[in-house]
Amino acid sequence: MTVTTNLVVELVRAANGVGKLAPPERRHLLRKGVTASGALRGLLITTGKAAPLDRSDEHVIEEIARDIEAMSDETVAKALLTLADKIRTMRILNREDA
């Protein structure tokens, strides 16, 4: 598996067990996902491939990470799954043509 695939798996697993994660772990995973999402978007733009330009999800998730202690398990789980989906989509878009 690739690093991106591993991250997607990690985010989905975390979303499924979010109640077991301490706030610092939640914050770390959200920030890690936002960083990866931004890097993949940058790569898509650099290589001239179609890139989703809307960063609104990342901005909202950054806010969630900043105020993680006040966020419900459901909110954190949704944020983790949103990141997993965006990262997976950009990974697919970044694949080289065969």
PDB file of N, CA and C in Angstrom:
ATOM      1  N   MET A   1       0.835  -1.185   0.000  1.00  0.00           N
ATOM      2  CA  MET A   1       0.000   0.000   0.000  1.00  0.00           C
ATOM      3  C   MET A   1       0.874   1.241   0.000  1.00  0.00           C
ATOM      4  N   THR A   2       0.351   2.298  -0.589  1.00  0.00           N
ATOM      5  CA  THR A   2       1.092   3.549  -0.642  1.00  0.00           C
ATOM      6  C   THR A   2       0.900   4.335   0.656  1.00  0.00           C
ATOM      7  N   VAL A   3       1.690   5.358   0.816  1.00  0.00           N
ATOM      8  CA  VAL A   3       1.574   6.219   1.989  1.00  0.00           C
ATOM      9  C   VAL A   3       0.186   6.856   2.033  1.00  0.00           C
ATOM     10  N   THR A   4      -0.306   7.273   0.872  1.00  0.00           N
ATOM     11  CA  THR A   4      -1.637   7.904   0.832  1.00  0.00           C
ATOM     12  C   THR A   4      -2.720   6.903   1.186  1.00  0.00           C
ATOM     13  N   THR A   5      -2.623   5.708   0.661  1.00  0.00           N
ATOM     14  CA  THR A   5      -3.608   4.681   0.979  1.00  0.00           C
ATOM     15  C   THR A   5      -3.577   4.379   2.476  1.00  0.00           C
ATOM     16  N   ASN A   6      -2.390   4.287   3.037  1.00  0.00           N
ATOM     17  CA  ASN A   6      -2.264   4.048   4.478  1.00  0.00           C
ATOM     18  C   ASN A   6      -2.915   5.166   5.285  1.00  0.00           C
ATOM     19  N   LEU A   7      -2.753   6.400   4.834  1.00  0.00           N
ATOM     20  CA  LEU A   7      -3.356   7.527   5.538  1.00  0.00           C
ATOM     21  C   LEU A   7      -4.880   7.456   5.456  1.00  0.00           C
ATOM     22  N   VAL A   8      -5.408   7.120   4.293  1.00  0.00           N
ATOM     23  CA  VAL A   8      -6.859   6.982   4.141  1.00  0.00           C
ATOM     24  C   VAL A   8      -7.376   5.910   5.097  1.00  0.00           C
ATOM     25  N   VAL A   9      -6.700   4.782   5.152  1.00  0.00           N
ATOM     26  CA  VAL A   9      -7.089   3.697   6.064  1.00  0.00           C
ATOM     27  C   VAL A   9      -7.024   4.183   7.517  1.00  0.00           C
ATOM     28  N   GLU A  10      -5.971   4.889   7.859  1.00  0.00           N
ATOM     29  CA  GLU A  10      -5.804   5.402   9.223  1.00  0.00           C
ATOM     30  C   GLU A  10      -6.942   6.367   9.597  1.00  0.00           C
ATOM     31  N   LEU A  11      -7.317   7.233   8.669  1.00  0.00           N
ATOM     32  CA  LEU A  11      -8.387   8.195   8.931  1.00  0.00           C
ATOM     33  C   LEU A  11      -9.740   7.498   9.098  1.00  0.00           C
ATOM     34  N   VAL A  12     -10.010   6.507   8.255  1.00  0.00           N
ATOM     35  CA  VAL A  12     -11.280   5.777   8.348  1.00  0.00           C
ATOM     36  C   VAL A  12     -11.340   4.980   9.657  1.00  0.00           C
ATOM     37  N   ARG A  13     -10.262   4.315   9.998  1.00  0.00           N
ATOM     38  CA  ARG A  13     -10.230   3.565  11.272  1.00  0.00           C
ATOM     39  C   ARG A  13     -10.434   4.491  12.462  1.00  0.00           C
ATOM     40  N   ALA A  14      -9.785   5.646  12.407  1.00  0.00           N
ATOM     41  CA  ALA A  14      -9.931   6.614  13.493  1.00  0.00           C
ATOM     42  C   ALA A  14     -11.380   7.098  13.592  1.00  0.00           C
ATOM     43  N   ALA A  15     -12.011   7.331  12.447  1.00  0.00           N
ATOM     44  CA  ALA A  15     -13.412   7.772  12.450  1.00  0.00           C
ATOM     45  C   ALA A  15     -14.309   6.708  13.070  1.00  0.00           C
ATOM     46  N   ASN A  16     -14.026   5.454  12.789  1.00  0.00           N
ATOM     47  CA  ASN A  16     -14.829   4.364  13.334  1.00  0.00           C
ATOM     48  C   ASN A  16     -14.610   4.163  14.833  1.00  0.00           C
ATOM     49  N   GLY A  17     -13.467   4.584  15.344  1.00  0.00           N
ATOM     50  CA  GLY A  17     -13.169   4.438  16.767  1.00  0.00           C
ATOM     51  C   GLY A  17     -12.894   5.761  17.440  1.00  0.00           C
ATOM     52  N   VAL A  18     -13.535   6.804  16.969  1.00  0.00           N
ATOM     53  CA  VAL A  18     -13.231   8.155  17.439  1.00  0.00           C
ATOM     54  C   VAL A  18     -13.423   8.310  18.955  1.00  0.00           C
ATOM     55  N   GLY A  19     -14.340   7.576  19.535  1.00  0.00           N
ATOM     56  CA  GLY A  19     -14.570   7.663  20.978  1.00  0.00           C
ATOM     57  C   GLY A  19     -13.378   7.220  21.815  1.00  0.00           C
ATOM     58  N   LYS A  20     -12.496   6.450  21.224  1.00  0.00           N
ATOM     59  CA  LYS A  20     -11.319   5.952  21.927  1.00  0.00           C
ATOM     60  C   LYS A  20     -10.114   6.881  21.802  1.00  0.00           C
ATOM     61  N   LEU A  21     -10.238   7.921  20.974  1.00  0.00           N
ATOM     62  CA  LEU A  21      -9.109   8.821  20.721  1.00  0.00           C
ATOM     63  C   LEU A  21      -9.140  10.022  21.654  1.00  0.00           C
ATOM     64  N   ALA A  22      -8.003  10.327  22.233  1.00  0.00           N
ATOM     65  CA  ALA A  22      -7.880  11.516  23.072  1.00  0.00           C
ATOM     66  C   ALA A  22      -7.840  12.761  22.170  1.00  0.00           C
ATOM     67  N   PRO A  23      -8.208  13.921  22.704  1.00  0.00           N
ATOM     68  CA  PRO A  23      -8.198  15.138  21.896  1.00  0.00           C
ATOM     69  C   PRO A  23      -6.881  15.412  21.148  1.00  0.00           C
ATOM     70  N   PRO A  24      -5.710  15.202  21.775  1.00  0.00           N
ATOM     71  CA  PRO A  24      -4.478  15.436  21.015  1.00  0.00           C
ATOM     72  C   PRO A  24      -4.330  14.508  19.803  1.00  0.00           C
ATOM     73  N   GLU A  25      -4.783  13.255  19.937  1.00  0.00           N
ATOM     74  CA  GLU A  25      -4.720  12.318  18.810  1.00  0.00           C
ATOM     75  C   GLU A  25      -5.665  12.755  17.701  1.00  0.00           C
ATOM     76  N   ARG A  26      -6.840  13.207  18.085  1.00  0.00           N
ATOM     77  CA  ARG A  26      -7.812  13.692  17.106  1.00  0.00           C
ATOM     78  C   ARG A  26      -7.240  14.880  16.338  1.00  0.00           C
ATOM     79  N   ARG A  27      -6.701  15.833  17.091  1.00  0.00           N
ATOM     80  CA  ARG A  27      -6.123  17.037  16.489  1.00  0.00           C
ATOM     81  C   ARG A  27      -4.995  16.658  15.526  1.00  0.00           C
ATOM     82  N   HIS A  28      -4.134  15.757  15.958  1.00  0.00           N
ATOM     83  CA  HIS A  28      -3.001  15.336  15.128  1.00  0.00           C
ATOM     84  C   HIS A  28      -3.476  14.719  13.812  1.00  0.00           C
ATOM     85  N   LEU A  29      -4.448  13.830  13.884  1.00  0.00           N
ATOM     86  CA  LEU A  29      -4.960  13.183  12.670  1.00  0.00           C
ATOM     87  C   LEU A  29      -5.615  14.186  11.730  1.00  0.00           C
ATOM     88  N   LEU A  30      -6.392  15.111  12.281  1.00  0.00           N
ATOM     89  CA  LEU A  30      -7.036  16.119  11.437  1.00  0.00           C
ATOM     90  C   LEU A  30      -5.996  16.995  10.744  1.00  0.00           C
ATOM     91  N   ARG A  31      -5.006  17.430  11.484  1.00  0.00           N
ATOM     92  CA  ARG A  31      -3.960  18.283  10.882  1.00  0.00           C
ATOM     93  C   ARG A  31      -3.133  17.507   9.864  1.00  0.00           C
ATOM     94  N   LYS A  32      -2.855  16.256  10.157  1.00  0.00           N
ATOM     95  CA  LYS A  32      -2.119  15.404   9.220  1.00  0.00           C
ATOM     96  C   LYS A  32      -2.907  15.251   7.915  1.00  0.00           C
ATOM     97  N   GLY A  33      -4.216  15.052   8.036  1.00  0.00           N
ATOM     98  CA  GLY A  33      -5.061  14.923   6.858  1.00  0.00           C
ATOM     99  C   GLY A  33      -5.143  16.208   6.050  1.00  0.00           C
ATOM    100  N   VAL A  34      -5.268  17.338   6.723  1.00  0.00           N
ATOM    101  CA  VAL A  34      -5.318  18.628   6.036  1.00  0.00           C
ATOM    102  C   VAL A  34      -3.997  18.887   5.309  1.00  0.00           C
ATOM    103  N   THR A  35      -2.889  18.565   5.941  1.00  0.00           N
ATOM    104  CA  THR A  35      -1.577  18.742   5.315  1.00  0.00           C
ATOM    105  C   THR A  35      -1.447  17.873   4.069  1.00  0.00           C
ATOM    106  N   ALA A  36      -1.849  16.620   4.174  1.00  0.00           N
ATOM    107  CA  ALA A  36      -1.783  15.705   3.029  1.00  0.00           C
ATOM    108  C   ALA A  36      -2.692  16.172   1.902  1.00  0.00           C
ATOM    109  N   SER A  37      -3.880  16.622   2.257  1.00  0.00           N
ATOM    110  CA  SER A  37      -4.830  17.111   1.253  1.00  0.00           C
ATOM    111  C   SER A  37      -4.240  18.306   0.504  1.00  0.00           C
ATOM    112  N   GLY A  38      -3.655  19.224   1.229  1.00  0.00           N
ATOM    113  CA  GLY A  38      -3.031  20.395   0.601  1.00  0.00           C
ATOM    114  C   GLY A  38      -1.864  20.019  -0.301  1.00  0.00           C
ATOM    115  N   ALA A  39      -1.071  19.055   0.156  1.00  0.00           N
ATOM    116  CA  ALA A  39       0.079  18.612  -0.648  1.00  0.00           C
ATOM    117  C   ALA A  39      -0.381  17.932  -1.933  1.00  0.00           C
ATOM    118  N   LEU A  40      -1.404  17.106  -1.841  1.00  0.00           N
ATOM    119  CA  LEU A  40      -1.916  16.436  -3.041  1.00  0.00           C
ATOM    120  C   LEU A  40      -2.530  17.442  -4.006  1.00  0.00           C
ATOM    121  N   ARG A  41      -3.247  18.422  -3.488  1.00  0.00           N
ATOM    122  CA  ARG A  41      -3.825  19.459  -4.335  1.00  0.00           C
ATOM    123  C   ARG A  41      -2.707  20.218  -5.057  1.00  0.00           C
ATOM    124  N   GLY A  42      -1.654  20.559  -4.317  1.00  0.00           N
ATOM    125  CA  GLY A  42      -0.513  21.248  -4.921  1.00  0.00           C
ATOM    126  C   GLY A  42       0.141  20.428  -6.009  1.00  0.00           C
ATOM    127  N   LEU A  43       0.263  19.131  -5.787  1.00  0.00           N
ATOM    128  CA  LEU A  43       0.848  18.236  -6.778  1.00  0.00           C
ATOM    129  C   LEU A  43      -0.007  18.188  -8.040  1.00  0.00           C
ATOM    130  N   LEU A  44      -1.304  18.120  -7.856  1.00  0.00           N
ATOM    131  CA  LEU A  44      -2.209  18.106  -9.014  1.00  0.00           C
ATOM    132  C   LEU A  44      -2.085  19.403  -9.817  1.00  0.00           C
ATOM    133  N   ILE A  45      -2.003  20.509  -9.133  1.00  0.00           N
ATOM    134  CA  ILE A  45      -1.869  21.794  -9.815  1.00  0.00           C
ATOM    135  C   ILE A  45      -0.531  21.875 -10.533  1.00  0.00           C
ATOM    136  N   THR A  46       0.535  21.438  -9.878  1.00  0.00           N
ATOM    137  CA  THR A  46       1.876  21.472 -10.463  1.00  0.00           C
ATOM    138  C   THR A  46       1.966  20.611 -11.715  1.00  0.00           C
ATOM    139  N   THR A  47       1.330  19.446 -11.685  1.00  0.00           N
ATOM    140  CA  THR A  47       1.401  18.543 -12.839  1.00  0.00           C
ATOM    141  C   THR A  47       0.363  18.869 -13.900  1.00  0.00           C
ATOM    142  N   GLY A  48      -0.456  19.886 -13.656  1.00  0.00           N
ATOM    143  CA  GLY A  48      -1.436  20.308 -14.645  1.00  0.00           C
ATOM    144  C   GLY A  48      -2.646  19.406 -14.761  1.00  0.00           C
ATOM    145  N   LYS A  49      -2.877  18.603 -13.757  1.00  0.00           N
ATOM    146  CA  LYS A  49      -4.044  17.717 -13.771  1.00  0.00           C
ATOM    147  C   LYS A  49      -5.223  18.427 -13.113  1.00  0.00           C
ATOM    148  N   ALA A  50      -6.394  17.894 -13.344  1.00  0.00           N
ATOM    149  CA  ALA A  50      -7.593  18.482 -12.741  1.00  0.00           C
ATOM    150  C   ALA A  50      -7.465  18.453 -11.227  1.00  0.00           C
ATOM    151  N   ALA A  51      -7.637  19.588 -10.612  1.00  0.00           N
ATOM    152  CA  ALA A  51      -7.514  19.664  -9.156  1.00  0.00           C
ATOM    153  C   ALA A  51      -8.739  20.334  -8.560  1.00  0.00           C
ATOM    154  N   PRO A  52      -9.290  19.738  -7.522  1.00  0.00           N
ATOM    155  CA  PRO A  52     -10.384  20.412  -6.825  1.00  0.00           C
ATOM    156  C   PRO A  52      -9.840  21.682  -6.172  1.00  0.00           C
ATOM    157  N   LEU A  53     -10.391  22.812  -6.502  1.00  0.00           N
ATOM    158  CA  LEU A  53      -9.854  24.070  -5.990  1.00  0.00           C
ATOM    159  C   LEU A  53     -10.517  24.528  -4.703  1.00  0.00           C
ATOM    160  N   ASP A  54     -11.629  23.927  -4.346  1.00  0.00           N
ATOM    161  CA  ASP A  54     -12.354  24.323  -3.155  1.00  0.00           C
ATOM    162  C   ASP A  54     -11.643  23.826  -1.902  1.00  0.00           C
ATOM    163  N   ARG A  55     -11.191  24.771  -1.096  1.00  0.00           N
ATOM    164  CA  ARG A  55     -10.505  24.414   0.144  1.00  0.00           C
ATOM    165  C   ARG A  55     -11.398  24.629   1.356  1.00  0.00           C
ATOM    166  N   SER A  56     -12.680  24.856   1.145  1.00  0.00           N
ATOM    167  CA  SER A  56     -13.557  25.178   2.269  1.00  0.00           C
ATOM    168  C   SER A  56     -13.601  24.059   3.316  1.00  0.00           C
ATOM    169  N   ASP A  57     -13.577  22.800   2.852  1.00  0.00           N
ATOM    170  CA  ASP A  57     -13.571  21.685   3.806  1.00  0.00           C
ATOM    171  C   ASP A  57     -12.352  21.748   4.714  1.00  0.00           C
ATOM    172  N   GLU A  58     -11.197  22.015   4.125  1.00  0.00           N
ATOM    173  CA  GLU A  58      -9.972  22.074   4.929  1.00  0.00           C
ATOM    174  C   GLU A  58     -10.025  23.204   5.951  1.00  0.00           C
ATOM    175  N   HIS A  59     -10.598  24.344   5.562  1.00  0.00           N
ATOM    176  CA  HIS A  59     -10.717  25.466   6.497  1.00  0.00           C
ATOM    177  C   HIS A  59     -11.610  25.085   7.684  1.00  0.00           C
ATOM    178  N   VAL A  60     -12.714  24.443   7.400  1.00  0.00           N
ATOM    179  CA  VAL A  60     -13.624  24.017   8.470  1.00  0.00           C
ATOM    180  C   VAL A  60     -12.929  22.995   9.368  1.00  0.00           C
ATOM    181  N   ILE A  61     -12.216  22.050   8.765  1.00  0.00           N
ATOM    182  CA  ILE A  61     -11.538  21.013   9.546  1.00  0.00           C
ATOM    183  C   ILE A  61     -10.412  21.607  10.385  1.00  0.00           C
ATOM    184  N   GLU A  62      -9.726  22.624   9.879  1.00  0.00           N
ATOM    185  CA  GLU A  62      -8.710  23.312  10.671  1.00  0.00           C
ATOM    186  C   GLU A  62      -9.344  23.957  11.907  1.00  0.00           C
ATOM    187  N   GLU A  63     -10.537  24.534  11.734  1.00  0.00           N
ATOM    188  CA  GLU A  63     -11.261  25.122  12.868  1.00  0.00           C
ATOM    189  C   GLU A  63     -11.650  24.042  13.882  1.00  0.00           C
ATOM    190  N   ILE A  64     -12.092  22.908  13.392  1.00  0.00           N
ATOM    191  CA  ILE A  64     -12.444  21.795  14.274  1.00  0.00           C
ATOM    192  C   ILE A  64     -11.221  21.355  15.072  1.00  0.00           C
ATOM    193  N   ALA A  65     -10.076  21.239  14.402  1.00  0.00           N
ATOM    194  CA  ALA A  65      -8.841  20.823  15.079  1.00  0.00           C
ATOM    195  C   ALA A  65      -8.430  21.826  16.151  1.00  0.00           C
ATOM    196  N   ARG A  66      -8.603  23.121  15.857  1.00  0.00           N
ATOM    197  CA  ARG A  66      -8.226  24.159  16.831  1.00  0.00           C
ATOM    198  C   ARG A  66      -9.065  24.077  18.109  1.00  0.00           C
ATOM    199  N   ASP A  67     -10.347  23.733  17.944  1.00  0.00           N
ATOM    200  CA  ASP A  67     -11.262  23.707  19.082  1.00  0.00           C
ATOM    201  C   ASP A  67     -11.728  22.276  19.368  1.00  0.00           C
ATOM    202  N   ILE A  68     -10.812  21.329  19.262  1.00  0.00           N
ATOM    203  CA  ILE A  68     -11.127  19.900  19.315  1.00  0.00           C
ATOM    204  C   ILE A  68     -11.843  19.484  20.598  1.00  0.00           C
ATOM    205  N   GLU A  69     -11.511  20.109  21.711  1.00  0.00           N
ATOM    206  CA  GLU A  69     -12.112  19.721  22.985  1.00  0.00           C
ATOM    207  C   GLU A  69     -13.620  19.975  23.005  1.00  0.00           C
ATOM    208  N   ALA A  70     -14.090  20.935  22.224  1.00  0.00           N
ATOM    209  CA  ALA A  70     -15.512  21.284  22.208  1.00  0.00           C
ATOM    210  C   ALA A  70     -16.302  20.509  21.151  1.00  0.00           C
ATOM    211  N   MET A  71     -15.620  19.688  20.361  1.00  0.00           N
ATOM    212  CA  MET A  71     -16.268  18.993  19.254  1.00  0.00           C
ATOM    213  C   MET A  71     -16.794  17.626  19.669  1.00  0.00           C
ATOM    214  N   SER A  72     -17.964  17.294  19.152  1.00  0.00           N
ATOM    215  CA  SER A  72     -18.562  15.988  19.436  1.00  0.00           C
ATOM    216  C   SER A  72     -17.826  14.890  18.663  1.00  0.00           C
ATOM    217  N   ASP A  73     -18.000  13.663  19.118  1.00  0.00           N
ATOM    218  CA  ASP A  73     -17.414  12.522  18.410  1.00  0.00           C
ATOM    219  C   ASP A  73     -17.916  12.486  16.970  1.00  0.00           C
ATOM    220  N   GLU A  74     -19.193  12.769  16.772  1.00  0.00           N
ATOM    221  CA  GLU A  74     -19.781  12.730  15.437  1.00  0.00           C
ATOM    222  C   GLU A  74     -19.140  13.767  14.515  1.00  0.00           C
ATOM    223  N   THR A  75     -18.904  14.963  15.020  1.00  0.00           N
ATOM    224  CA  THR A  75     -18.271  16.017  14.221  1.00  0.00           C
ATOM    225  C   THR A  75     -16.863  15.619  13.808  1.00  0.00           C
ATOM    226  N   VAL A  76     -16.107  15.085  14.752  1.00  0.00           N
ATOM    227  CA  VAL A  76     -14.734  14.665  14.460  1.00  0.00           C
ATOM    228  C   VAL A  76     -14.740  13.505  13.465  1.00  0.00           C
ATOM    229  N   ALA A  77     -15.620  12.549  13.647  1.00  0.00           N
ATOM    230  CA  ALA A  77     -15.701  11.403  12.729  1.00  0.00           C
ATOM    231  C   ALA A  77     -16.031  11.870  11.310  1.00  0.00           C
ATOM    232  N   LYS A  78     -16.977  12.786  11.180  1.00  0.00           N
ATOM    233  CA  LYS A  78     -17.332  13.317   9.856  1.00  0.00           C
ATOM    234  C   LYS A  78     -16.157  14.044   9.224  1.00  0.00           C
ATOM    235  N   ALA A  79     -15.412  14.792  10.010  1.00  0.00           N
ATOM    236  CA  ALA A  79     -14.241  15.508   9.495  1.00  0.00           C
ATOM    237  C   ALA A  79     -13.178  14.518   9.010  1.00  0.00           C
ATOM    238  N   LEU A  80     -12.944  13.465   9.785  1.00  0.00           N
ATOM    239  CA  LEU A  80     -11.960  12.448   9.400  1.00  0.00           C
ATOM    240  C   LEU A  80     -12.373  11.750   8.102  1.00  0.00           C
ATOM    241  N   LEU A  81     -13.655  11.418   7.981  1.00  0.00           N
ATOM    242  CA  LEU A  81     -14.147  10.757   6.769  1.00  0.00           C
ATOM    243  C   LEU A  81     -14.118  11.689   5.561  1.00  0.00           C
ATOM    244  N   THR A  82     -14.379  12.963   5.772  1.00  0.00           N
ATOM    245  CA  THR A  82     -14.284  13.941   4.682  1.00  0.00           C
ATOM    246  C   THR A  82     -12.857  14.018   4.162  1.00  0.00           C
ATOM    247  N   LEU A  83     -11.903  14.068   5.074  1.00  0.00           N
ATOM    248  CA  LEU A  83     -10.492  14.094   4.661  1.00  0.00           C
ATOM    249  C   LEU A  83     -10.109  12.820   3.919  1.00  0.00           C
ATOM    250  N   ALA A  84     -10.533  11.680   4.435  1.00  0.00           N
ATOM    251  CA  ALA A  84     -10.215  10.405   3.783  1.00  0.00           C
ATOM    252  C   ALA A  84     -10.747  10.403   2.355  1.00  0.00           C
ATOM    253  N   ASP A  85     -11.960  10.885   2.159  1.00  0.00           N
ATOM    254  CA  ASP A  85     -12.564  10.925   0.826  1.00  0.00           C
ATOM    255  C   ASP A  85     -11.813  11.874  -0.102  1.00  0.00           C
ATOM    256  N   LYS A  86     -11.481  13.061   0.386  1.00  0.00           N
ATOM    257  CA  LYS A  86     -10.766  14.040  -0.449  1.00  0.00           C
ATOM    258  C   LYS A  86      -9.382  13.517  -0.840  1.00  0.00           C
ATOM    259  N   ILE A  87      -8.681  12.925   0.110  1.00  0.00           N
ATOM    260  CA  ILE A  87      -7.334  12.401  -0.159  1.00  0.00           C
ATOM    261  C   ILE A  87      -7.417  11.257  -1.164  1.00  0.00           C
ATOM    262  N   ARG A  88      -8.377  10.377  -0.988  1.00  0.00           N
ATOM    263  CA  ARG A  88      -8.562   9.260  -1.916  1.00  0.00           C
ATOM    264  C   ARG A  88      -8.864   9.774  -3.321  1.00  0.00           C
ATOM    265  N   THR A  89      -9.747  10.721  -3.427  1.00  0.00           N
ATOM    266  CA  THR A  89     -10.107  11.286  -4.727  1.00  0.00           C
ATOM    267  C   THR A  89      -8.900  11.923  -5.409  1.00  0.00           C
ATOM    268  N   MET A  90      -8.144  12.714  -4.662  1.00  0.00           N
ATOM    269  CA  MET A  90      -6.973  13.371  -5.269  1.00  0.00           C
ATOM    270  C   MET A  90      -5.889  12.362  -5.628  1.00  0.00           C
ATOM    271  N   ARG A  91      -5.774  11.293  -4.857  1.00  0.00           N
ATOM    272  CA  ARG A  91      -4.816  10.245  -5.197  1.00  0.00           C
ATOM    273  C   ARG A  91      -5.189   9.610  -6.531  1.00  0.00           C
ATOM    274  N   ILE A  92      -6.473   9.355  -6.732  1.00  0.00           N
ATOM    275  CA  ILE A  92      -6.942   8.787  -7.992  1.00  0.00           C
ATOM    276  C   ILE A  92      -6.685   9.755  -9.139  1.00  0.00           C
ATOM    277  N   LEU A  93      -6.985  11.020  -8.929  1.00  0.00           N
ATOM    278  CA  LEU A  93      -6.758  12.026  -9.974  1.00  0.00           C
ATOM    279  C   LEU A  93      -5.282  12.177 -10.324  1.00  0.00           C
ATOM    280  N   ASN A  94      -4.421  11.912  -9.371  1.00  0.00           N
ATOM    281  CA  ASN A  94      -2.989  12.081  -9.581  1.00  0.00           C
ATOM    282  C   ASN A  94      -2.327  10.894 -10.276  1.00  0.00           C
ATOM    283  N   ARG A  95      -3.033   9.779 -10.377  1.00  0.00           N
ATOM    284  CA  ARG A  95      -2.444   8.609 -11.002  1.00  0.00           C
ATOM    285  C   ARG A  95      -2.029   8.887 -12.436  1.00  0.00           C
ATOM    286  N   GLU A  96      -0.907   8.342 -12.797  1.00  0.00           N
ATOM    287  CA  GLU A  96      -0.417   8.479 -14.165  1.00  0.00           C
ATOM    288  C   GLU A  96      -1.235   7.613 -15.093  1.00  0.00           C
ATOM    289  N   ASP A  97      -1.410   8.064 -16.328  1.00  0.00           N
ATOM    290  CA  ASP A  97      -2.081   7.259 -17.337  1.00  0.00           C
ATOM    291  C   ASP A  97      -1.193   6.064 -17.684  1.00  0.00           C
ATOM    292  N   ALA A  98      -1.826   4.920 -17.924  1.00  0.00           N
ATOM    293  CA  ALA A  98      -1.069   3.694 -18.235  1.00  0.00           C
ATOM    294  C   ALA A  98      -0.543   3.708 -19.642  1.00  0.00           C
TER     295      ALA A  98
END
